[in-house]
Each structure stands twice: as C-alpha cells, then as structure tokens.
Amino acid sequence: MANMKDVKRRIKSVESTMQITKAMQLVASSKMRKAKERAEAVHPFFEGVFQVMADISRDHEFTSVFTKKKFKNSVLLIVIAGDRGLAGGFNSNVLKLAKRKADEIAESGGEAVIMAIGKKAVEYFEKREYKLIEGFPQIAEGIELVDAMMIANKVIDRFKIGDFDAVELVYTTFVSVMTQEPQHLRILPVENLEYLGKKHPMTIYDPSPEAVFDSLIPEYMGGMLYSAIVDSFASEQAARRTAMESASDNASEMIEKLSLLYNRARQAQITQEITEISSASLNDNS
C-alpha cells in the first residue's frame, strides 16, 4: 500500500513544479511576440538597402571586394544559439548544424573560425577544439540595430584585410510557434543579389556604384545579423514555450495519477479501519 503522506508530498511537489513551468510558458510567449515585432519593424529598412545593392549589381561591369569569390582558406562562421536551456532541442539542433559546417570546411582544406553569439554557443565552442575568436553572450534579448552594426563592422574590417575569405551565418529561423528550423547562409562575399520587386531604370550613383555599394555593406550585414539574432531569439522563446507547455501537461497528468493513487490508498485505509471496528464489535458481542 502506498504511503499516503509520501504521495501527498509528491503531489504538492509536482504542483509547485507545474506552477513554475506555466509561468515560464507565459513569459516565453510574451518575449516571443515582442521579438517577432522587432524583426518585422526592421524589414522595411533592410529591404531598402537590399534593393539598392541589387540595383547596382545589375551592371555587368560592376566589381567590388565584397563580391569577389575566393578559395575558402579561412571561413568565419557566425553561430547564433540561445542564452538559456529548457528549450527542447533548440540549442542542440543549431549547434549540430554549426559543427557539421565547420567540419565540412576543415575537410575541404580550409579553416573554420567561430564567432559565437549566445551563451550556449560560447560555452559549446570554448569546450571544443575550434578557433573561437570572439563571443557575445547575453545580448539577444535587448539587442539594438546599433549593436548588430558594431559586430558587423568588426567582421567587415577583418574581411577587407583578408583574415577571412568568406563569412557564413548559422542560426535558427522562426517558421511557426511549433516549428523552428536551423539555417545556414553565406553573407560575404555577397552573391545572388536579385531583387524581386518592381524594376526601374538604372540609377546614377555618385561618386560611383562601387563606392555606394561598399558603403552599404555595413548596413546590409548589420541588418542581416540583427534580423538573424532577433529571429533566433523568437525561435528560442517559441521552443521554450512548447517545452514548458509539454512539461505542464506531463505534470498535470502525473498529478492525476498520484491523486488516484492517493484516493485508492485512502479508501484502502478507511476500509481497513471499518473492518477493524467491525471485528472488534463482533468480538465484544461474543
């Protein structure tokens, strides 16, 4: 027979845990909505920059240091993960993709250099034999466009002097509340610039198309980084919301089972007490 005190104590413990998971679920939902709003707010700016760059690249005589393809001796992988756990497979999925891309670069004769954004990404690459050049933990929740521009400018300066032959981004994109997918994108050198909006006559750029294009690279890359970080943060919150919802459901199911066990033990105890009283009464009458 189950000990009623132990079962009751276990029920209270699970109820306390469920209160925490429900609270975390609500917090994650709120943060997810705010992150989605921030991502949507920057889209018009990024679209405008991208349109100008695509317009300039339509000229077949156009050349830029940011569009020249090189042999990938050294590739900077910017890896974006979360700052916390309890988000299902969110962190492990994106870090597995980053590791696979880094290993592919090494197998092809190049070197993968890592810039980690998010505490989990920093910790992951610090503990392994990868070249981690810089880490940015705990910046995703409160990041502003100017912060992303600062990181972008650091990367661009090193790209221009030849520290990297390419810059690639590994992050998680928000598909839906239930679905988040790890992504891999090439950022530098810039390629496949094809704006799908309304085309217009070629614009005259001063002092030159190349100068305007190169001056837009920080905005382009800053916008890419900001969007990816905010998108990844929204994905992290969605994954955590789903994980906490599942944990709350499991806790509720466990409480039901424990309550049933408690009621059965209580009923057995009452039955035993009635039997003992009946037996005592029969003995007295005899």
C-alpha atoms as a PDB file:
ATOM      1  CA  MET A   1       0.000   0.000   0.000  1.00  0.00           C
ATOM      2  CA  ALA A   2       1.331   3.456  -0.904  1.00  0.00           C
ATOM      3  CA  ASN A   3       2.272   5.734   1.968  1.00  0.00           C
ATOM      4  CA  MET A   4      -0.361   8.496   1.935  1.00  0.00           C
ATOM      5  CA  LYS A   5       1.976  11.141   3.358  1.00  0.00           C
ATOM      6  CA  ASP A   6       4.616  10.422   0.698  1.00  0.00           C
ATOM      7  CA  VAL A   7       2.032  10.562  -2.090  1.00  0.00           C
ATOM      8  CA  LYS A   8       0.577  13.826  -0.777  1.00  0.00           C
ATOM      9  CA  ARG A   9       4.064  15.319  -0.523  1.00  0.00           C
ATOM     10  CA  ARG A  10       4.795  14.234  -4.095  1.00  0.00           C
ATOM     11  CA  ILE A  11       1.556  15.815  -5.345  1.00  0.00           C
ATOM     12  CA  LYS A  12       2.479  19.159  -3.737  1.00  0.00           C
ATOM     13  CA  SER A  13       5.970  18.958  -5.256  1.00  0.00           C
ATOM     14  CA  VAL A  14       4.620  18.328  -8.760  1.00  0.00           C
ATOM     15  CA  GLU A  15       2.055  21.126  -8.343  1.00  0.00           C
ATOM     16  CA  SER A  16       4.853  23.543  -7.433  1.00  0.00           C
ATOM     17  CA  THR A  17       6.827  22.453 -10.496  1.00  0.00           C
ATOM     18  CA  MET A  18       3.766  22.936 -12.717  1.00  0.00           C
ATOM     19  CA  GLN A  19       3.342  26.497 -11.426  1.00  0.00           C
ATOM     20  CA  ILE A  20       6.926  27.235 -12.495  1.00  0.00           C
ATOM     21  CA  THR A  21       6.562  25.661 -15.953  1.00  0.00           C
ATOM     22  CA  LYS A  22       3.287  27.539 -16.579  1.00  0.00           C
ATOM     23  CA  ALA A  23       4.912  30.821 -15.557  1.00  0.00           C
ATOM     24  CA  MET A  24       7.880  30.142 -17.872  1.00  0.00           C
ATOM     25  CA  GLN A  25       5.458  29.309 -20.673  1.00  0.00           C
ATOM     26  CA  LEU A  26       3.692  32.681 -20.283  1.00  0.00           C
ATOM     27  CA  VAL A  27       7.000  34.594 -20.115  1.00  0.00           C
ATOM     28  CA  ALA A  28       8.310  32.830 -23.236  1.00  0.00           C
ATOM     29  CA  SER A  29       5.076  33.638 -25.121  1.00  0.00           C
ATOM     30  CA  SER A  30       5.388  37.327 -24.237  1.00  0.00           C
ATOM     31  CA  LYS A  31       9.066  37.508 -25.243  1.00  0.00           C
ATOM     32  CA  MET A  32       8.349  35.662 -28.487  1.00  0.00           C
ATOM     33  CA  ARG A  33       5.684  38.204 -29.526  1.00  0.00           C
ATOM     34  CA  LYS A  34       7.988  41.146 -28.779  1.00  0.00           C
ATOM     35  CA  ALA A  35      10.865  39.574 -30.732  1.00  0.00           C
ATOM     36  CA  LYS A  36       8.617  39.000 -33.761  1.00  0.00           C
ATOM     37  CA  GLU A  37       7.525  42.662 -33.652  1.00  0.00           C
ATOM     38  CA  ARG A  38      11.171  43.801 -33.534  1.00  0.00           C
ATOM     39  CA  ALA A  39      12.065  41.597 -36.502  1.00  0.00           C
ATOM     40  CA  GLU A  40       9.143  42.916 -38.541  1.00  0.00           C
ATOM     41  CA  ALA A  41       9.999  46.542 -37.696  1.00  0.00           C
ATOM     42  CA  VAL A  42      13.468  46.327 -39.298  1.00  0.00           C
ATOM     43  CA  HIS A  43      12.304  44.632 -42.524  1.00  0.00           C
ATOM     44  CA  PRO A  44      11.491  47.871 -44.466  1.00  0.00           C
ATOM     45  CA  PHE A  45      14.984  49.251 -43.752  1.00  0.00           C
ATOM     46  CA  PHE A  46      16.704  46.037 -44.778  1.00  0.00           C
ATOM     47  CA  GLU A  47      14.561  45.705 -47.907  1.00  0.00           C
ATOM     48  CA  GLY A  48      15.519  49.242 -48.951  1.00  0.00           C
ATOM     49  CA  VAL A  49      19.242  48.551 -48.558  1.00  0.00           C
ATOM     50  CA  PHE A  50      18.935  45.241 -50.392  1.00  0.00           C
ATOM     51  CA  GLN A  51      17.030  46.870 -53.273  1.00  0.00           C
ATOM     52  CA  VAL A  52      19.781  49.445 -53.854  1.00  0.00           C
ATOM     53  CA  MET A  53      22.510  46.779 -53.721  1.00  0.00           C
ATOM     54  CA  ALA A  54      20.601  44.561 -56.151  1.00  0.00           C
ATOM     55  CA  ASP A  55      20.089  47.540 -58.482  1.00  0.00           C
ATOM     56  CA  ILE A  56      23.818  48.328 -58.526  1.00  0.00           C
ATOM     57  CA  SER A  57      24.807  44.687 -59.097  1.00  0.00           C
ATOM     58  CA  ARG A  58      22.678  44.598 -62.283  1.00  0.00           C
ATOM     59  CA  ASP A  59      25.551  46.380 -64.037  1.00  0.00           C
ATOM     60  CA  HIS A  60      27.753  43.627 -65.513  1.00  0.00           C
ATOM     61  CA  GLU A  61      30.844  45.865 -65.273  1.00  0.00           C
ATOM     62  CA  PHE A  62      30.357  46.318 -61.538  1.00  0.00           C
ATOM     63  CA  THR A  63      33.049  44.857 -59.266  1.00  0.00           C
ATOM     64  CA  SER A  64      33.620  45.013 -55.513  1.00  0.00           C
ATOM     65  CA  VAL A  65      35.904  43.406 -52.952  1.00  0.00           C
ATOM     66  CA  PHE A  66      32.703  42.204 -51.281  1.00  0.00           C
ATOM     67  CA  THR A  67      31.519  40.238 -54.335  1.00  0.00           C
ATOM     68  CA  LYS A  68      34.753  38.549 -55.444  1.00  0.00           C
ATOM     69  CA  LYS A  69      34.793  34.815 -54.839  1.00  0.00           C
ATOM     70  CA  LYS A  70      37.970  33.364 -53.363  1.00  0.00           C
ATOM     71  CA  PHE A  71      39.193  29.941 -52.395  1.00  0.00           C
ATOM     72  CA  LYS A  72      37.899  29.407 -48.894  1.00  0.00           C
ATOM     73  CA  ASN A  73      41.146  29.155 -46.906  1.00  0.00           C
ATOM     74  CA  SER A  74      39.515  30.688 -43.855  1.00  0.00           C
ATOM     75  CA  VAL A  75      35.770  30.946 -43.213  1.00  0.00           C
ATOM     76  CA  LEU A  76      34.192  32.883 -40.373  1.00  0.00           C
ATOM     77  CA  LEU A  77      31.173  31.048 -39.005  1.00  0.00           C
ATOM     78  CA  ILE A  78      28.878  33.325 -37.020  1.00  0.00           C
ATOM     79  CA  VAL A  79      26.897  30.907 -34.849  1.00  0.00           C
ATOM     80  CA  ILE A  80      23.781  32.109 -33.015  1.00  0.00           C
ATOM     81  CA  ALA A  81      22.332  29.988 -30.204  1.00  0.00           C
ATOM     82  CA  GLY A  82      20.377  30.723 -27.023  1.00  0.00           C
ATOM     83  CA  ASP A  83      21.442  32.080 -23.651  1.00  0.00           C
ATOM     84  CA  ARG A  84      19.492  29.526 -21.618  1.00  0.00           C
ATOM     85  CA  GLY A  85      18.373  25.922 -21.732  1.00  0.00           C
ATOM     86  CA  LEU A  86      14.935  24.384 -21.120  1.00  0.00           C
ATOM     87  CA  ALA A  87      14.029  24.944 -24.770  1.00  0.00           C
ATOM     88  CA  GLY A  88      13.782  21.412 -26.092  1.00  0.00           C
ATOM     89  CA  GLY A  89      16.212  20.707 -28.933  1.00  0.00           C
ATOM     90  CA  PHE A  90      16.632  24.384 -29.895  1.00  0.00           C
ATOM     91  CA  ASN A  91      20.290  24.767 -28.910  1.00  0.00           C
ATOM     92  CA  SER A  92      21.450  21.262 -29.786  1.00  0.00           C
ATOM     93  CA  ASN A  93      19.952  21.440 -33.307  1.00  0.00           C
ATOM     94  CA  VAL A  94      21.638  24.692 -34.331  1.00  0.00           C
ATOM     95  CA  LEU A  95      24.961  23.729 -32.726  1.00  0.00           C
ATOM     96  CA  LYS A  96      24.945  20.368 -34.540  1.00  0.00           C
ATOM     97  CA  LEU A  97      24.474  22.228 -37.839  1.00  0.00           C
ATOM     98  CA  ALA A  98      27.317  24.641 -36.971  1.00  0.00           C
ATOM     99  CA  LYS A  99      29.633  21.743 -36.082  1.00  0.00           C
ATOM    100  CA  ARG A 100      28.800  19.971 -39.342  1.00  0.00           C
ATOM    101  CA  LYS A 101      29.556  23.098 -41.394  1.00  0.00           C
ATOM    102  CA  ALA A 102      32.827  23.686 -39.514  1.00  0.00           C
ATOM    103  CA  ASP A 103      33.885  20.078 -40.102  1.00  0.00           C
ATOM    104  CA  GLU A 104      32.989  20.328 -43.820  1.00  0.00           C
ATOM    105  CA  ILE A 105      35.193  23.424 -44.148  1.00  0.00           C
ATOM    106  CA  ALA A 106      38.090  21.601 -42.452  1.00  0.00           C
ATOM    107  CA  GLU A 107      37.627  18.521 -44.663  1.00  0.00           C
ATOM    108  CA  SER A 108      37.815  20.710 -47.795  1.00  0.00           C
ATOM    109  CA  GLY A 109      41.195  22.081 -46.701  1.00  0.00           C
ATOM    110  CA  GLY A 110      40.035  25.323 -45.110  1.00  0.00           C
ATOM    111  CA  GLU A 111      39.861  26.600 -41.551  1.00  0.00           C
ATOM    112  CA  ALA A 112      36.643  27.407 -39.702  1.00  0.00           C
ATOM    113  CA  VAL A 113      36.881  30.403 -37.387  1.00  0.00           C
ATOM    114  CA  ILE A 114      33.990  30.840 -34.951  1.00  0.00           C
ATOM    115  CA  MET A 115      32.214  33.948 -33.707  1.00  0.00           C
ATOM    116  CA  ALA A 116      29.652  32.783 -31.144  1.00  0.00           C
ATOM    117  CA  ILE A 117      26.518  34.747 -30.230  1.00  0.00           C
ATOM    118  CA  GLY A 118      24.570  33.457 -27.251  1.00  0.00           C
ATOM    119  CA  LYS A 119      25.827  31.895 -24.020  1.00  0.00           C
ATOM    120  CA  LYS A 120      25.189  28.312 -25.178  1.00  0.00           C
ATOM    121  CA  ALA A 121      27.171  28.856 -28.394  1.00  0.00           C
ATOM    122  CA  VAL A 122      30.081  30.405 -26.495  1.00  0.00           C
ATOM    123  CA  GLU A 123      30.181  27.540 -23.986  1.00  0.00           C
ATOM    124  CA  TYR A 124      29.900  24.912 -26.727  1.00  0.00           C
ATOM    125  CA  PHE A 125      32.885  26.122 -28.754  1.00  0.00           C
ATOM    126  CA  GLU A 126      35.019  27.022 -25.737  1.00  0.00           C
ATOM    127  CA  LYS A 127      34.930  23.361 -24.675  1.00  0.00           C
ATOM    128  CA  ARG A 128      35.936  22.042 -28.104  1.00  0.00           C
ATOM    129  CA  GLU A 129      38.947  22.350 -30.373  1.00  0.00           C
ATOM    130  CA  TYR A 130      37.659  25.154 -32.571  1.00  0.00           C
ATOM    131  CA  LYS A 131      39.164  28.589 -33.118  1.00  0.00           C
ATOM    132  CA  LEU A 132      36.784  30.888 -31.233  1.00  0.00           C
ATOM    133  CA  ILE A 133      37.783  34.477 -31.969  1.00  0.00           C
ATOM    134  CA  GLU A 134      35.013  36.259 -30.070  1.00  0.00           C
ATOM    135  CA  GLY A 135      31.881  35.526 -28.074  1.00  0.00           C
ATOM    136  CA  PHE A 136      28.793  37.638 -27.368  1.00  0.00           C
ATOM    137  CA  PRO A 137      26.715  36.040 -24.589  1.00  0.00           C
ATOM    138  CA  GLN A 138      23.519  37.560 -23.192  1.00  0.00           C
ATOM    139  CA  ILE A 139      22.952  40.157 -25.954  1.00  0.00           C
ATOM    140  CA  ALA A 140      19.973  38.743 -27.884  1.00  0.00           C
ATOM    141  CA  GLU A 141      17.090  39.872 -25.677  1.00  0.00           C
ATOM    142  CA  GLY A 142      17.993  43.560 -25.585  1.00  0.00           C
ATOM    143  CA  ILE A 143      19.938  43.913 -28.830  1.00  0.00           C
ATOM    144  CA  GLU A 144      19.516  47.094 -30.885  1.00  0.00           C
ATOM    145  CA  LEU A 145      20.411  47.650 -34.539  1.00  0.00           C
ATOM    146  CA  VAL A 146      23.439  49.705 -33.495  1.00  0.00           C
ATOM    147  CA  ASP A 147      24.815  46.710 -31.571  1.00  0.00           C
ATOM    148  CA  ALA A 148      24.486  44.487 -34.627  1.00  0.00           C
ATOM    149  CA  MET A 149      26.194  47.197 -36.716  1.00  0.00           C
ATOM    150  CA  MET A 150      29.117  47.213 -34.278  1.00  0.00           C
ATOM    151  CA  ILE A 151      29.610  43.462 -34.702  1.00  0.00           C
ATOM    152  CA  ALA A 152      29.158  43.768 -38.474  1.00  0.00           C
ATOM    153  CA  ASN A 153      31.832  46.471 -38.735  1.00  0.00           C
ATOM    154  CA  LYS A 154      34.316  44.279 -36.845  1.00  0.00           C
ATOM    155  CA  VAL A 155      33.708  41.439 -39.282  1.00  0.00           C
ATOM    156  CA  ILE A 156      33.877  43.683 -42.366  1.00  0.00           C
ATOM    157  CA  ASP A 157      37.199  45.239 -41.290  1.00  0.00           C
ATOM    158  CA  ARG A 158      38.771  41.817 -40.894  1.00  0.00           C
ATOM    159  CA  PHE A 159      37.260  40.572 -44.170  1.00  0.00           C
ATOM    160  CA  LYS A 160      38.751  43.523 -46.073  1.00  0.00           C
ATOM    161  CA  ILE A 161      42.278  42.838 -44.789  1.00  0.00           C
ATOM    162  CA  GLY A 162      41.993  39.156 -45.679  1.00  0.00           C
ATOM    163  CA  ASP A 163      41.536  37.494 -42.301  1.00  0.00           C
ATOM    164  CA  PHE A 164      38.552  35.629 -43.755  1.00  0.00           C
ATOM    165  CA  ASP A 165      37.762  34.596 -47.318  1.00  0.00           C
ATOM    166  CA  ALA A 166      34.079  34.120 -46.545  1.00  0.00           C
ATOM    167  CA  VAL A 167      31.560  34.835 -43.792  1.00  0.00           C
ATOM    168  CA  GLU A 168      28.710  32.419 -43.126  1.00  0.00           C
ATOM    169  CA  LEU A 169      25.843  32.518 -40.675  1.00  0.00           C
ATOM    170  CA  VAL A 170      24.276  29.645 -38.722  1.00  0.00           C
ATOM    171  CA  TYR A 171      21.106  30.450 -36.783  1.00  0.00           C
ATOM    172  CA  THR A 172      17.522  29.285 -36.215  1.00  0.00           C
ATOM    173  CA  THR A 173      14.611  30.804 -38.108  1.00  0.00           C
ATOM    174  CA  PHE A 174      11.071  31.112 -36.779  1.00  0.00           C
ATOM    175  CA  VAL A 175       8.673  29.183 -39.036  1.00  0.00           C
ATOM    176  CA  SER A 176       5.751  28.920 -36.637  1.00  0.00           C
ATOM    177  CA  VAL A 177       5.069  28.628 -32.922  1.00  0.00           C
ATOM    178  CA  MET A 178       5.548  24.869 -33.253  1.00  0.00           C
ATOM    179  CA  THR A 179       8.354  24.834 -35.832  1.00  0.00           C
ATOM    180  CA  GLN A 180      11.834  26.389 -35.768  1.00  0.00           C
ATOM    181  CA  GLU A 181      14.482  25.412 -38.323  1.00  0.00           C
ATOM    182  CA  PRO A 182      18.308  25.767 -38.207  1.00  0.00           C
ATOM    183  CA  GLN A 183      19.606  27.732 -41.209  1.00  0.00           C
ATOM    184  CA  HIS A 184      22.962  28.239 -42.944  1.00  0.00           C
ATOM    185  CA  LEU A 185      23.560  31.360 -45.076  1.00  0.00           C
ATOM    186  CA  ARG A 186      26.505  32.869 -46.938  1.00  0.00           C
ATOM    187  CA  ILE A 187      26.866  36.593 -46.111  1.00  0.00           C
ATOM    188  CA  LEU A 188      30.233  37.503 -47.651  1.00  0.00           C
ATOM    189  CA  PRO A 189      31.182  37.597 -50.432  1.00  0.00           C
ATOM    190  CA  VAL A 190      27.765  38.893 -51.480  1.00  0.00           C
ATOM    191  CA  GLU A 191      26.148  36.859 -54.232  1.00  0.00           C
ATOM    192  CA  ASN A 192      22.776  36.162 -55.847  1.00  0.00           C
ATOM    193  CA  LEU A 193      21.522  39.723 -55.406  1.00  0.00           C
ATOM    194  CA  GLU A 194      18.267  39.622 -57.314  1.00  0.00           C
ATOM    195  CA  TYR A 195      15.536  41.946 -56.090  1.00  0.00           C
ATOM    196  CA  LEU A 196      12.116  40.600 -56.999  1.00  0.00           C
ATOM    197  CA  GLY A 197      10.262  43.878 -56.658  1.00  0.00           C
ATOM    198  CA  LYS A 198       9.395  46.373 -59.409  1.00  0.00           C
ATOM    199  CA  LYS A 199      12.359  47.106 -61.663  1.00  0.00           C
ATOM    200  CA  HIS A 200      13.190  50.666 -62.672  1.00  0.00           C
ATOM    201  CA  PRO A 201      15.753  52.385 -64.934  1.00  0.00           C
ATOM    202  CA  MET A 202      19.369  52.230 -63.773  1.00  0.00           C
ATOM    203  CA  THR A 203      20.142  54.942 -61.235  1.00  0.00           C
ATOM    204  CA  ILE A 204      23.247  57.153 -61.458  1.00  0.00           C
ATOM    205  CA  TYR A 205      25.292  56.752 -58.270  1.00  0.00           C
ATOM    206  CA  ASP A 206      27.783  59.326 -57.006  1.00  0.00           C
ATOM    207  CA  PRO A 207      30.741  59.081 -56.596  1.00  0.00           C
ATOM    208  CA  SER A 208      30.443  55.600 -58.188  1.00  0.00           C
ATOM    209  CA  PRO A 209      28.271  52.484 -57.995  1.00  0.00           C
ATOM    210  CA  GLU A 210      31.161  50.615 -56.358  1.00  0.00           C
ATOM    211  CA  ALA A 211      31.593  53.251 -53.638  1.00  0.00           C
ATOM    212  CA  VAL A 212      27.873  53.322 -52.857  1.00  0.00           C
ATOM    213  CA  PHE A 213      27.698  49.518 -52.840  1.00  0.00           C
ATOM    214  CA  ASP A 214      30.672  49.207 -50.477  1.00  0.00           C
ATOM    215  CA  SER A 215      29.239  51.892 -48.173  1.00  0.00           C
ATOM    216  CA  LEU A 216      26.010  49.885 -47.916  1.00  0.00           C
ATOM    217  CA  ILE A 217      27.751  46.664 -46.859  1.00  0.00           C
ATOM    218  CA  PRO A 218      27.791  47.570 -43.116  1.00  0.00           C
ATOM    219  CA  GLU A 219      24.043  48.307 -43.226  1.00  0.00           C
ATOM    220  CA  TYR A 220      23.424  45.129 -45.215  1.00  0.00           C
ATOM    221  CA  MET A 221      25.426  42.938 -42.866  1.00  0.00           C
ATOM    222  CA  GLY A 222      24.185  44.721 -39.736  1.00  0.00           C
ATOM    223  CA  GLY A 223      20.612  44.181 -40.907  1.00  0.00           C
ATOM    224  CA  MET A 224      21.320  40.516 -41.630  1.00  0.00           C
ATOM    225  CA  LEU A 225      22.851  39.987 -38.179  1.00  0.00           C
ATOM    226  CA  TYR A 226      20.139  41.903 -36.344  1.00  0.00           C
ATOM    227  CA  SER A 227      17.370  40.017 -38.153  1.00  0.00           C
ATOM    228  CA  ALA A 228      19.063  36.658 -37.528  1.00  0.00           C
ATOM    229  CA  ILE A 229      19.648  37.358 -33.818  1.00  0.00           C
ATOM    230  CA  VAL A 230      16.070  38.548 -33.257  1.00  0.00           C
ATOM    231  CA  ASP A 231      14.677  35.689 -35.368  1.00  0.00           C
ATOM    232  CA  SER A 232      16.767  33.212 -33.364  1.00  0.00           C
ATOM    233  CA  PHE A 233      15.601  34.750 -30.079  1.00  0.00           C
ATOM    234  CA  ALA A 234      11.955  34.447 -31.150  1.00  0.00           C
ATOM    235  CA  SER A 235      12.629  30.817 -32.124  1.00  0.00           C
ATOM    236  CA  GLU A 236      14.227  30.148 -28.731  1.00  0.00           C
ATOM    237  CA  GLN A 237      11.187  31.544 -26.913  1.00  0.00           C
ATOM    238  CA  ALA A 238       8.804  29.530 -29.107  1.00  0.00           C
ATOM    239  CA  ALA A 239      10.803  26.352 -28.411  1.00  0.00           C
ATOM    240  CA  ARG A 240      10.822  27.101 -24.678  1.00  0.00           C
ATOM    241  CA  ARG A 241       7.087  27.821 -24.709  1.00  0.00           C
ATOM    242  CA  THR A 242       6.442  24.438 -26.367  1.00  0.00           C
ATOM    243  CA  ALA A 243       8.774  22.641 -23.943  1.00  0.00           C
ATOM    244  CA  MET A 244       7.164  24.264 -20.894  1.00  0.00           C
ATOM    245  CA  GLU A 245       3.665  23.546 -22.228  1.00  0.00           C
ATOM    246  CA  SER A 246       4.635  19.887 -22.611  1.00  0.00           C
ATOM    247  CA  ALA A 247       6.154  19.864 -19.116  1.00  0.00           C
ATOM    248  CA  SER A 248       2.971  21.398 -17.657  1.00  0.00           C
ATOM    249  CA  ASP A 249       0.835  18.784 -19.420  1.00  0.00           C
ATOM    250  CA  ASN A 250       3.066  15.999 -18.093  1.00  0.00           C
ATOM    251  CA  ALA A 251       2.882  17.444 -14.594  1.00  0.00           C
ATOM    252  CA  SER A 252      -0.914  17.634 -14.792  1.00  0.00           C
ATOM    253  CA  GLU A 253      -1.067  14.009 -15.924  1.00  0.00           C
ATOM    254  CA  MET A 254       1.258  12.983 -13.088  1.00  0.00           C
ATOM    255  CA  ILE A 255      -0.898  14.814 -10.538  1.00  0.00           C
ATOM    256  CA  GLU A 256      -3.972  12.944 -11.799  1.00  0.00           C
ATOM    257  CA  LYS A 257      -2.199   9.598 -11.411  1.00  0.00           C
ATOM    258  CA  LEU A 258      -0.871  10.481  -7.952  1.00  0.00           C
ATOM    259  CA  SER A 259      -4.306  11.718  -6.865  1.00  0.00           C
ATOM    260  CA  LEU A 260      -5.831   8.423  -7.999  1.00  0.00           C
ATOM    261  CA  LEU A 261      -3.133   6.534  -6.080  1.00  0.00           C
ATOM    262  CA  TYR A 262      -3.755   8.716  -3.013  1.00  0.00           C
ATOM    263  CA  ASN A 263      -7.530   8.145  -3.171  1.00  0.00           C
ATOM    264  CA  ARG A 264      -7.048   4.407  -3.507  1.00  0.00           C
ATOM    265  CA  ALA A 265      -4.696   4.350  -0.513  1.00  0.00           C
ATOM    266  CA  ARG A 266      -7.134   6.479   1.480  1.00  0.00           C
ATOM    267  CA  GLN A 267     -10.040   4.207   0.536  1.00  0.00           C
ATOM    268  CA  ALA A 268      -7.988   1.146   1.495  1.00  0.00           C
ATOM    269  CA  GLN A 269      -7.187   2.729   4.853  1.00  0.00           C
ATOM    270  CA  ILE A 270     -10.865   3.541   5.512  1.00  0.00           C
ATOM    271  CA  THR A 271     -11.873   0.016   4.517  1.00  0.00           C
ATOM    272  CA  GLN A 272      -9.244  -1.410   6.857  1.00  0.00           C
ATOM    273  CA  GLU A 273     -10.447   0.795   9.737  1.00  0.00           C
ATOM    274  CA  ILE A 274     -14.090  -0.237   9.149  1.00  0.00           C
ATOM    275  CA  THR A 275     -13.029  -3.897   9.079  1.00  0.00           C
ATOM    276  CA  GLU A 276     -11.129  -3.485  12.331  1.00  0.00           C
ATOM    277  CA  ILE A 277     -14.084  -1.758  14.006  1.00  0.00           C
ATOM    278  CA  SER A 278     -16.482  -4.460  12.754  1.00  0.00           C
ATOM    279  CA  SER A 279     -14.180  -7.206  14.026  1.00  0.00           C
ATOM    280  CA  ALA A 280     -13.872  -5.543  17.419  1.00  0.00           C
ATOM    281  CA  SER A 281     -17.661  -5.170  17.636  1.00  0.00           C
ATOM    282  CA  LEU A 282     -18.199  -8.852  16.801  1.00  0.00           C
ATOM    283  CA  ASN A 283     -15.666  -9.890  19.408  1.00  0.00           C
ATOM    284  CA  ASP A 284     -17.404  -7.743  22.059  1.00  0.00           C
ATOM    285  CA  ASN A 285     -20.820  -9.264  21.229  1.00  0.00           C
ATOM    286  CA  SER A 286     -19.476 -12.779  21.504  1.00  0.00           C
END
